[in-house]
Amino acid sequence: KGEIVVDGVTNLVDSAEECCAQCQAMPDCNVWVYCPSPEGCYEPYLYRECYLKRQEDPTQPEAWSRGAYTPWVSGTTVQGEGQPQQPAQPQQPIQPQQPAVQPVDAMGGDACNTEANANYKGEIVV
């Protein structure tokens, strides 16, 4: 698991790229989760919520859920290197229900490792 650095309830942004950029700007953040659905991401989560989180090993992000019924978009970043974090190569083939992580260009030209239909884990610490 990880820790929530910034709670999305009070952090509304306009895009996954903006959520990623906020994570890149915070030294404690290496995982972000964004709700892109105008209908919200299941009660009580609202459209545009951006959660900034930290996981012990973001190269293999743990998720609360993945798949077609998960409305969230999640991603990982590496702080201070200006390069996208590369996901670890699995020892076995990736299972079909787990979408591939795709880099997305965020503000400032850095890339985020973005996974659609995924809700990465984190615990509220504040």
C-alpha atoms as a PDB file:
ATOM      1  CA  LYS A   1       0.000   0.000   0.000  1.00  0.00           C
ATOM      2  CA  GLY A   2       0.970   3.635   0.060  1.00  0.00           C
ATOM      3  CA  GLU A   3       0.054   6.961   1.581  1.00  0.00           C
ATOM      4  CA  ILE A   4      -2.173   9.762   0.285  1.00  0.00           C
ATOM      5  CA  VAL A   5      -0.056  12.913   0.056  1.00  0.00           C
ATOM      6  CA  VAL A   6      -2.928  15.175  -1.146  1.00  0.00           C
ATOM      7  CA  ASP A   7      -6.583  14.161  -0.750  1.00  0.00           C
ATOM      8  CA  GLY A   8      -8.555  14.457  -4.007  1.00  0.00           C
ATOM      9  CA  VAL A   9     -11.675  15.700  -2.222  1.00  0.00           C
ATOM     10  CA  THR A  10      -9.991  19.100  -1.948  1.00  0.00           C
ATOM     11  CA  ASN A  11      -7.832  18.819  -5.090  1.00  0.00           C
ATOM     12  CA  LEU A  12      -9.896  19.209  -8.282  1.00  0.00           C
ATOM     13  CA  VAL A  13      -8.022  19.465 -11.598  1.00  0.00           C
ATOM     14  CA  ASP A  14      -9.042  19.527 -15.269  1.00  0.00           C
ATOM     15  CA  SER A  15      -7.086  16.544 -16.638  1.00  0.00           C
ATOM     16  CA  ALA A  16      -5.006  13.473 -15.863  1.00  0.00           C
ATOM     17  CA  GLU A  17      -1.995  15.361 -17.218  1.00  0.00           C
ATOM     18  CA  GLU A  18      -2.525  18.149 -14.671  1.00  0.00           C
ATOM     19  CA  CYS A  19      -2.880  15.588 -11.880  1.00  0.00           C
ATOM     20  CA  CYS A  20       0.377  13.962 -12.986  1.00  0.00           C
ATOM     21  CA  ALA A  21       2.139  17.339 -13.150  1.00  0.00           C
ATOM     22  CA  GLN A  22       1.078  18.065  -9.553  1.00  0.00           C
ATOM     23  CA  CYS A  23       2.525  14.730  -8.476  1.00  0.00           C
ATOM     24  CA  GLN A  24       5.789  15.474 -10.277  1.00  0.00           C
ATOM     25  CA  ALA A  25       6.007  18.803  -8.422  1.00  0.00           C
ATOM     26  CA  MET A  26       5.710  17.181  -4.969  1.00  0.00           C
ATOM     27  CA  PRO A  27       8.776  15.395  -3.568  1.00  0.00           C
ATOM     28  CA  ASP A  28       6.684  12.863  -1.596  1.00  0.00           C
ATOM     29  CA  CYS A  29       4.436  11.879  -4.523  1.00  0.00           C
ATOM     30  CA  ASN A  30       5.164   8.978  -6.882  1.00  0.00           C
ATOM     31  CA  VAL A  31       1.608   7.749  -7.648  1.00  0.00           C
ATOM     32  CA  TRP A  32      -1.447   9.739  -8.768  1.00  0.00           C
ATOM     33  CA  VAL A  33      -5.131   8.875  -9.351  1.00  0.00           C
ATOM     34  CA  TYR A  34      -7.621  10.998 -11.348  1.00  0.00           C
ATOM     35  CA  CYS A  35     -11.404  10.724 -11.865  1.00  0.00           C
ATOM     36  CA  PRO A  36     -12.106  11.667 -15.525  1.00  0.00           C
ATOM     37  CA  SER A  37     -15.795  10.686 -15.523  1.00  0.00           C
ATOM     38  CA  PRO A  38     -18.382  13.527 -15.445  1.00  0.00           C
ATOM     39  CA  GLU A  39     -20.673  11.074 -13.602  1.00  0.00           C
ATOM     40  CA  GLY A  40     -18.018  10.599 -10.894  1.00  0.00           C
ATOM     41  CA  CYS A  41     -16.057   7.473 -10.002  1.00  0.00           C
ATOM     42  CA  TYR A  42     -18.646   5.776  -7.793  1.00  0.00           C
ATOM     43  CA  GLU A  43     -20.031   7.469  -4.708  1.00  0.00           C
ATOM     44  CA  PRO A  44     -18.593   9.456  -2.950  1.00  0.00           C
ATOM     45  CA  TYR A  45     -15.822  10.163  -5.513  1.00  0.00           C
ATOM     46  CA  LEU A  46     -16.453  13.122  -7.817  1.00  0.00           C
ATOM     47  CA  TYR A  47     -15.406  14.188 -11.308  1.00  0.00           C
ATOM     48  CA  ARG A  48     -11.937  15.856 -11.456  1.00  0.00           C
ATOM     49  CA  GLU A  49     -10.704  14.560  -8.064  1.00  0.00           C
ATOM     50  CA  CYS A  50      -6.919  14.154  -8.130  1.00  0.00           C
ATOM     51  CA  TYR A  51      -5.290  12.043  -5.418  1.00  0.00           C
ATOM     52  CA  LEU A  52      -1.536  12.374  -4.976  1.00  0.00           C
ATOM     53  CA  LYS A  53      -0.072   9.295  -3.310  1.00  0.00           C
ATOM     54  CA  ARG A  54       3.095   7.483  -2.399  1.00  0.00           C
ATOM     55  CA  GLN A  55       3.801   3.767  -2.743  1.00  0.00           C
ATOM     56  CA  GLU A  56       6.892   1.960  -1.539  1.00  0.00           C
ATOM     57  CA  ASP A  57       7.544   0.447  -4.996  1.00  0.00           C
ATOM     58  CA  PRO A  58       5.842   2.478  -7.739  1.00  0.00           C
ATOM     59  CA  THR A  59       7.527   0.364 -10.436  1.00  0.00           C
ATOM     60  CA  GLN A  60       4.898  -2.274  -9.645  1.00  0.00           C
ATOM     61  CA  PRO A  61       1.915  -0.201  -8.526  1.00  0.00           C
ATOM     62  CA  GLU A  62      -0.706  -1.892  -6.393  1.00  0.00           C
ATOM     63  CA  ALA A  63      -4.309  -1.080  -7.314  1.00  0.00           C
ATOM     64  CA  TRP A  64      -7.616  -1.262  -5.480  1.00  0.00           C
ATOM     65  CA  SER A  65      -9.162  -2.256  -8.809  1.00  0.00           C
ATOM     66  CA  ARG A  66      -8.369  -2.583 -12.523  1.00  0.00           C
ATOM     67  CA  GLY A  67     -10.517  -3.266 -15.556  1.00  0.00           C
ATOM     68  CA  ALA A  68     -13.408  -1.979 -17.619  1.00  0.00           C
ATOM     69  CA  TYR A  69     -15.572  -1.172 -14.565  1.00  0.00           C
ATOM     70  CA  THR A  70     -12.879   0.983 -12.937  1.00  0.00           C
ATOM     71  CA  PRO A  71     -13.481   4.592 -14.048  1.00  0.00           C
ATOM     72  CA  TRP A  72     -10.196   5.959 -12.607  1.00  0.00           C
ATOM     73  CA  VAL A  73      -6.962   6.824 -14.438  1.00  0.00           C
ATOM     74  CA  SER A  74      -3.743   6.279 -12.454  1.00  0.00           C
ATOM     75  CA  GLY A  75      -0.045   6.752 -13.051  1.00  0.00           C
ATOM     76  CA  THR A  76       3.425   6.834 -11.548  1.00  0.00           C
ATOM     77  CA  THR A  77       6.329   9.292 -11.671  1.00  0.00           C
ATOM     78  CA  VAL A  78       9.951   9.450 -10.568  1.00  0.00           C
ATOM     79  CA  GLN A  79      10.953  12.625  -8.752  1.00  0.00           C
ATOM     80  CA  GLY A  80      13.958  14.712  -9.692  1.00  0.00           C
ATOM     81  CA  GLU A  81      15.136  12.726 -12.689  1.00  0.00           C
ATOM     82  CA  GLY A  82      13.117  14.341 -15.497  1.00  0.00           C
ATOM     83  CA  GLN A  83      12.620  10.939 -17.083  1.00  0.00           C
ATOM     84  CA  PRO A  84       9.583   8.707 -16.902  1.00  0.00           C
ATOM     85  CA  GLN A  85       9.733   5.792 -14.559  1.00  0.00           C
ATOM     86  CA  GLN A  86       9.851   2.502 -16.441  1.00  0.00           C
ATOM     87  CA  PRO A  87       7.580  -0.252 -15.154  1.00  0.00           C
ATOM     88  CA  ALA A  88       9.403  -3.383 -14.039  1.00  0.00           C
ATOM     89  CA  GLN A  89       9.429  -6.179 -16.596  1.00  0.00           C
ATOM     90  CA  PRO A  90       7.193  -8.985 -15.372  1.00  0.00           C
ATOM     91  CA  GLN A  91       8.647 -12.460 -14.993  1.00  0.00           C
ATOM     92  CA  GLN A  92       5.505 -13.912 -16.571  1.00  0.00           C
ATOM     93  CA  PRO A  93       3.314 -12.479 -19.364  1.00  0.00           C
ATOM     94  CA  ILE A  94       0.922  -9.710 -18.325  1.00  0.00           C
ATOM     95  CA  GLN A  95      -2.580 -11.015 -17.788  1.00  0.00           C
ATOM     96  CA  PRO A  96      -5.105  -9.785 -20.398  1.00  0.00           C
ATOM     97  CA  GLN A  97      -7.342  -8.017 -17.847  1.00  0.00           C
ATOM     98  CA  GLN A  98      -4.442  -5.754 -16.818  1.00  0.00           C
ATOM     99  CA  PRO A  99      -4.057  -2.874 -19.336  1.00  0.00           C
ATOM    100  CA  ALA A 100      -0.567  -1.828 -20.319  1.00  0.00           C
ATOM    101  CA  VAL A 101       0.831   1.315 -18.727  1.00  0.00           C
ATOM    102  CA  GLN A 102       1.212   4.062 -21.323  1.00  0.00           C
ATOM    103  CA  PRO A 103       3.382   7.203 -21.039  1.00  0.00           C
ATOM    104  CA  VAL A 104       1.451  10.469 -21.265  1.00  0.00           C
ATOM    105  CA  ASP A 105       3.212  13.775 -21.841  1.00  0.00           C
ATOM    106  CA  ALA A 106       2.396  16.057 -18.921  1.00  0.00           C
ATOM    107  CA  MET A 107       3.130  19.719 -18.249  1.00  0.00           C
ATOM    108  CA  GLY A 108       6.824  20.502 -18.331  1.00  0.00           C
ATOM    109  CA  GLY A 109       7.590  17.829 -20.920  1.00  0.00           C
ATOM    110  CA  ASP A 110       8.022  14.996 -18.414  1.00  0.00           C
ATOM    111  CA  ALA A 111       6.171  11.741 -19.027  1.00  0.00           C
ATOM    112  CA  CYS A 112       3.855   9.920 -16.664  1.00  0.00           C
ATOM    113  CA  ASN A 113       3.219   6.213 -16.715  1.00  0.00           C
ATOM    114  CA  THR A 114      -0.550   6.250 -17.118  1.00  0.00           C
ATOM    115  CA  GLU A 115      -2.908   3.305 -16.765  1.00  0.00           C
ATOM    116  CA  ALA A 116      -6.562   3.736 -17.741  1.00  0.00           C
ATOM    117  CA  ASN A 117      -9.198   1.845 -15.770  1.00  0.00           C
ATOM    118  CA  ALA A 118      -7.024   1.536 -12.659  1.00  0.00           C
ATOM    119  CA  ASN A 119      -7.338   2.867  -9.107  1.00  0.00           C
ATOM    120  CA  TYR A 120      -3.939   2.710  -7.386  1.00  0.00           C
ATOM    121  CA  LYS A 121      -3.785   2.160  -3.645  1.00  0.00           C
ATOM    122  CA  GLY A 122      -2.891   4.638  -0.922  1.00  0.00           C
ATOM    123  CA  GLU A 123      -3.749   5.390   2.690  1.00  0.00           C
ATOM    124  CA  ILE A 124      -4.765   8.760   4.105  1.00  0.00           C
ATOM    125  CA  VAL A 125      -2.120   9.920   6.565  1.00  0.00           C
ATOM    126  CA  VAL A 126      -3.434  13.399   7.399  1.00  0.00           C
END
